[in-house]
N, C-alpha and C. Protein backbone atom coordinates (compact mmCIF):
# COMPACT_ATOMS: atom_id res chain seq x y z
N MET A 1 -20.96 -4.48 39.69
CA MET A 1 -20.20 -3.53 38.91
C MET A 1 -19.77 -4.19 37.60
N ASP A 2 -20.05 -3.53 36.50
CA ASP A 2 -19.70 -4.06 35.18
C ASP A 2 -18.39 -3.42 34.72
N ILE A 3 -17.29 -4.15 34.86
CA ILE A 3 -15.97 -3.64 34.50
C ILE A 3 -15.91 -3.29 33.01
N GLY A 4 -16.60 -4.06 32.20
CA GLY A 4 -16.60 -3.80 30.75
C GLY A 4 -17.15 -2.43 30.42
N SER A 5 -18.26 -2.03 31.07
CA SER A 5 -18.84 -0.72 30.77
C SER A 5 -17.94 0.40 31.27
N ILE A 6 -17.27 0.18 32.40
CA ILE A 6 -16.34 1.20 32.90
C ILE A 6 -15.18 1.35 31.93
N PHE A 7 -14.61 0.25 31.49
CA PHE A 7 -13.50 0.28 30.55
C PHE A 7 -13.93 0.92 29.24
N ASP A 8 -15.12 0.54 28.74
CA ASP A 8 -15.62 1.11 27.49
C ASP A 8 -15.75 2.63 27.59
N SER A 9 -16.24 3.13 28.72
CA SER A 9 -16.41 4.58 28.85
C SER A 9 -15.05 5.27 28.89
N LEU A 10 -14.06 4.64 29.55
CA LEU A 10 -12.73 5.24 29.60
C LEU A 10 -12.08 5.27 28.22
N VAL A 11 -12.21 4.19 27.49
CA VAL A 11 -11.65 4.14 26.14
C VAL A 11 -12.36 5.15 25.26
N GLY A 12 -13.65 5.23 25.37
CA GLY A 12 -14.41 6.20 24.58
C GLY A 12 -13.99 7.62 24.89
N ASN A 13 -13.79 7.91 26.17
CA ASN A 13 -13.35 9.26 26.54
C ASN A 13 -11.95 9.54 26.05
N SER A 14 -11.08 8.56 26.10
CA SER A 14 -9.71 8.75 25.61
C SER A 14 -9.71 9.07 24.13
N GLU A 15 -10.50 8.34 23.36
CA GLU A 15 -10.57 8.61 21.93
C GLU A 15 -11.14 9.99 21.66
N LYS A 16 -12.18 10.35 22.41
CA LYS A 16 -12.78 11.68 22.25
C LYS A 16 -11.77 12.77 22.60
N ASN A 17 -11.05 12.58 23.71
CA ASN A 17 -10.04 13.56 24.11
C ASN A 17 -8.93 13.67 23.07
N MET A 18 -8.52 12.55 22.50
CA MET A 18 -7.47 12.56 21.48
C MET A 18 -7.95 13.31 20.24
N ARG A 19 -9.19 13.08 19.83
CA ARG A 19 -9.73 13.80 18.66
C ARG A 19 -9.77 15.30 18.93
N GLU A 20 -10.19 15.68 20.14
CA GLU A 20 -10.24 17.10 20.51
C GLU A 20 -8.85 17.71 20.51
N MET A 21 -7.87 16.98 21.03
CA MET A 21 -6.50 17.49 21.06
C MET A 21 -5.97 17.69 19.64
N ILE A 22 -6.20 16.73 18.77
CA ILE A 22 -5.75 16.85 17.38
C ILE A 22 -6.43 18.02 16.70
N LYS A 23 -7.71 18.19 16.94
CA LYS A 23 -8.45 19.31 16.36
C LYS A 23 -7.86 20.64 16.84
N THR A 24 -7.53 20.72 18.11
CA THR A 24 -6.95 21.95 18.66
C THR A 24 -5.59 22.23 18.05
N VAL A 25 -4.75 21.21 17.96
CA VAL A 25 -3.42 21.38 17.38
C VAL A 25 -3.54 21.83 15.93
N GLU A 26 -4.46 21.23 15.20
CA GLU A 26 -4.64 21.62 13.80
C GLU A 26 -5.10 23.07 13.69
N SER A 27 -5.95 23.50 14.61
CA SER A 27 -6.49 24.86 14.50
C SER A 27 -5.50 25.93 14.94
N ILE A 28 -4.61 25.62 15.88
CA ILE A 28 -3.67 26.64 16.33
C ILE A 28 -2.24 26.42 15.85
N GLY A 29 -2.01 25.32 15.16
CA GLY A 29 -0.66 24.99 14.69
C GLY A 29 -0.05 26.09 13.83
N LYS A 30 -0.85 26.65 12.94
CA LYS A 30 -0.37 27.72 12.06
C LYS A 30 0.08 28.92 12.89
N CYS A 31 -0.67 29.23 13.94
CA CYS A 31 -0.32 30.37 14.81
C CYS A 31 1.00 30.11 15.53
N VAL A 32 1.18 28.92 16.02
CA VAL A 32 2.41 28.58 16.74
C VAL A 32 3.61 28.73 15.82
N ILE A 33 3.49 28.25 14.60
CA ILE A 33 4.59 28.37 13.63
C ILE A 33 4.88 29.83 13.32
N LEU A 34 3.83 30.63 13.10
CA LEU A 34 4.03 32.05 12.81
C LEU A 34 4.68 32.78 13.98
N ILE A 35 4.25 32.48 15.19
CA ILE A 35 4.86 33.12 16.36
C ILE A 35 6.35 32.78 16.42
N ASP A 36 6.68 31.54 16.18
CA ASP A 36 8.08 31.12 16.20
C ASP A 36 8.88 31.86 15.13
N GLU A 37 8.31 31.98 13.94
CA GLU A 37 9.01 32.67 12.85
C GLU A 37 9.18 34.16 13.18
N ILE A 38 8.14 34.78 13.72
CA ILE A 38 8.22 36.21 14.05
C ILE A 38 9.24 36.46 15.15
N GLU A 39 9.27 35.58 16.15
CA GLU A 39 10.25 35.75 17.23
C GLU A 39 11.68 35.70 16.72
N GLY A 40 11.92 34.95 15.67
CA GLY A 40 13.27 34.82 15.13
C GLY A 40 13.62 35.87 14.09
N MET A 41 12.69 36.77 13.79
CA MET A 41 12.91 37.76 12.74
C MET A 41 13.40 39.08 13.32
N ASP A 42 14.11 39.80 12.50
CA ASP A 42 14.41 41.20 12.80
C ASP A 42 13.15 41.98 12.43
N LEU A 43 12.61 42.73 13.36
CA LEU A 43 11.33 43.41 13.11
C LEU A 43 11.42 44.48 12.02
N SER A 44 12.63 44.83 11.62
CA SER A 44 12.77 45.77 10.50
C SER A 44 12.66 45.03 9.16
N ASP A 45 12.65 43.71 9.20
CA ASP A 45 12.48 42.90 8.00
C ASP A 45 11.11 43.20 7.39
N PRO A 46 11.07 43.50 6.09
CA PRO A 46 9.78 43.83 5.46
C PRO A 46 8.74 42.71 5.55
N HIS A 47 9.18 41.48 5.73
CA HIS A 47 8.24 40.37 5.82
C HIS A 47 7.63 40.23 7.23
N ALA A 48 8.24 40.87 8.21
CA ALA A 48 7.77 40.75 9.60
C ALA A 48 6.34 41.26 9.75
N GLU A 49 6.06 42.41 9.19
CA GLU A 49 4.70 42.96 9.31
C GLU A 49 3.68 42.07 8.61
N ALA A 50 4.04 41.54 7.46
CA ALA A 50 3.12 40.65 6.73
C ALA A 50 2.84 39.39 7.55
N LYS A 51 3.88 38.81 8.16
CA LYS A 51 3.67 37.62 8.98
C LYS A 51 2.81 37.94 10.19
N PHE A 52 3.03 39.12 10.78
CA PHE A 52 2.21 39.50 11.93
C PHE A 52 0.75 39.66 11.52
N MET A 53 0.49 40.22 10.36
CA MET A 53 -0.89 40.38 9.89
C MET A 53 -1.55 39.01 9.65
N VAL A 54 -0.80 38.08 9.10
CA VAL A 54 -1.32 36.72 8.90
C VAL A 54 -1.62 36.08 10.25
N LEU A 55 -0.72 36.27 11.22
CA LEU A 55 -0.94 35.75 12.57
C LEU A 55 -2.20 36.34 13.18
N ALA A 56 -2.34 37.66 13.09
CA ALA A 56 -3.52 38.32 13.67
C ALA A 56 -4.81 37.78 13.05
N GLU A 57 -4.83 37.60 11.75
CA GLU A 57 -6.03 37.07 11.09
C GLU A 57 -6.29 35.63 11.49
N SER A 58 -5.23 34.85 11.64
CA SER A 58 -5.39 33.46 12.07
C SER A 58 -5.99 33.39 13.47
N VAL A 59 -5.53 34.25 14.36
CA VAL A 59 -6.07 34.28 15.72
C VAL A 59 -7.54 34.71 15.70
N ARG A 60 -7.86 35.74 14.91
CA ARG A 60 -9.27 36.17 14.80
C ARG A 60 -10.15 35.04 14.29
N HIS A 61 -9.67 34.33 13.28
CA HIS A 61 -10.43 33.22 12.72
C HIS A 61 -10.67 32.14 13.77
N HIS A 62 -9.63 31.81 14.53
CA HIS A 62 -9.75 30.79 15.58
C HIS A 62 -10.77 31.23 16.63
N ILE A 63 -10.74 32.50 17.02
CA ILE A 63 -11.69 33.01 18.01
C ILE A 63 -13.11 32.90 17.48
N ARG A 64 -13.32 33.27 16.23
CA ARG A 64 -14.67 33.16 15.65
C ARG A 64 -15.17 31.72 15.66
N GLU A 65 -14.28 30.78 15.33
CA GLU A 65 -14.67 29.37 15.34
C GLU A 65 -15.05 28.92 16.75
N GLU A 66 -14.23 29.29 17.73
CA GLU A 66 -14.50 28.89 19.11
C GLU A 66 -15.79 29.52 19.62
N GLU A 67 -16.03 30.77 19.28
CA GLU A 67 -17.27 31.42 19.70
C GLU A 67 -18.48 30.68 19.15
N GLY A 68 -18.38 30.28 17.89
CA GLY A 68 -19.49 29.57 17.26
C GLY A 68 -19.74 28.20 17.86
N GLU A 69 -18.68 27.54 18.34
CA GLU A 69 -18.83 26.19 18.89
C GLU A 69 -19.07 26.21 20.39
N MET A 70 -18.32 27.04 21.11
CA MET A 70 -18.36 26.97 22.57
C MET A 70 -19.51 27.76 23.19
N PHE A 71 -19.79 28.95 22.67
CA PHE A 71 -20.81 29.77 23.31
C PHE A 71 -22.18 29.12 23.34
N PRO A 72 -22.63 28.51 22.24
CA PRO A 72 -23.94 27.83 22.33
C PRO A 72 -23.94 26.70 23.36
N GLU A 73 -22.84 25.96 23.47
CA GLU A 73 -22.76 24.88 24.47
C GLU A 73 -22.82 25.44 25.88
N ILE A 74 -22.12 26.53 26.12
CA ILE A 74 -22.12 27.14 27.45
C ILE A 74 -23.51 27.66 27.78
N ARG A 75 -24.16 28.31 26.82
CA ARG A 75 -25.51 28.81 27.06
C ARG A 75 -26.47 27.66 27.39
N ASP A 76 -26.35 26.55 26.65
CA ASP A 76 -27.21 25.39 26.90
C ASP A 76 -26.97 24.83 28.30
N GLU A 77 -25.71 24.74 28.71
CA GLU A 77 -25.39 24.21 30.03
C GLU A 77 -25.96 25.11 31.13
N GLU A 78 -25.83 26.43 30.95
CA GLU A 78 -26.36 27.36 31.94
C GLU A 78 -27.88 27.27 32.01
N PHE A 79 -28.53 27.13 30.85
CA PHE A 79 -29.97 27.01 30.81
C PHE A 79 -30.43 25.74 31.53
N ASN A 80 -29.73 24.63 31.28
CA ASN A 80 -30.10 23.37 31.91
C ASN A 80 -29.90 23.42 33.42
N ARG A 81 -28.89 24.15 33.89
CA ARG A 81 -28.67 24.27 35.33
C ARG A 81 -29.79 25.07 36.00
N GLU A 82 -30.33 26.05 35.26
CA GLU A 82 -31.41 26.86 35.81
C GLU A 82 -32.70 26.06 35.97
N LEU A 83 -32.86 25.03 35.14
CA LEU A 83 -34.08 24.22 35.22
C LEU A 83 -33.99 23.38 36.43
C-alpha cells in the first residue's frame, strides 16, 4: 500500500471540493443576499418588487448554468453505465 498516493488523492479531492464550494457560494451568494434583504422589507415598499425581479432572474441564470454543466455530465454517466 502506497500511503503517499492515498494522501495525494485525499488532498487533491479536498482542493477540488473546496474549489467547487467556492464556485457554488459565488454563484448563489447574490441570491442569498437578495432573499435576506427581501425578508426584511415591507412588501409595500416600491423597491421590494424590483428586488424580487432581480432575485428571480438570478435564480433563472443559475439554473441555466447548472443545466449546461450538469446535464451533459449526467447523460454521459448514464450512457457509460449502459455500456
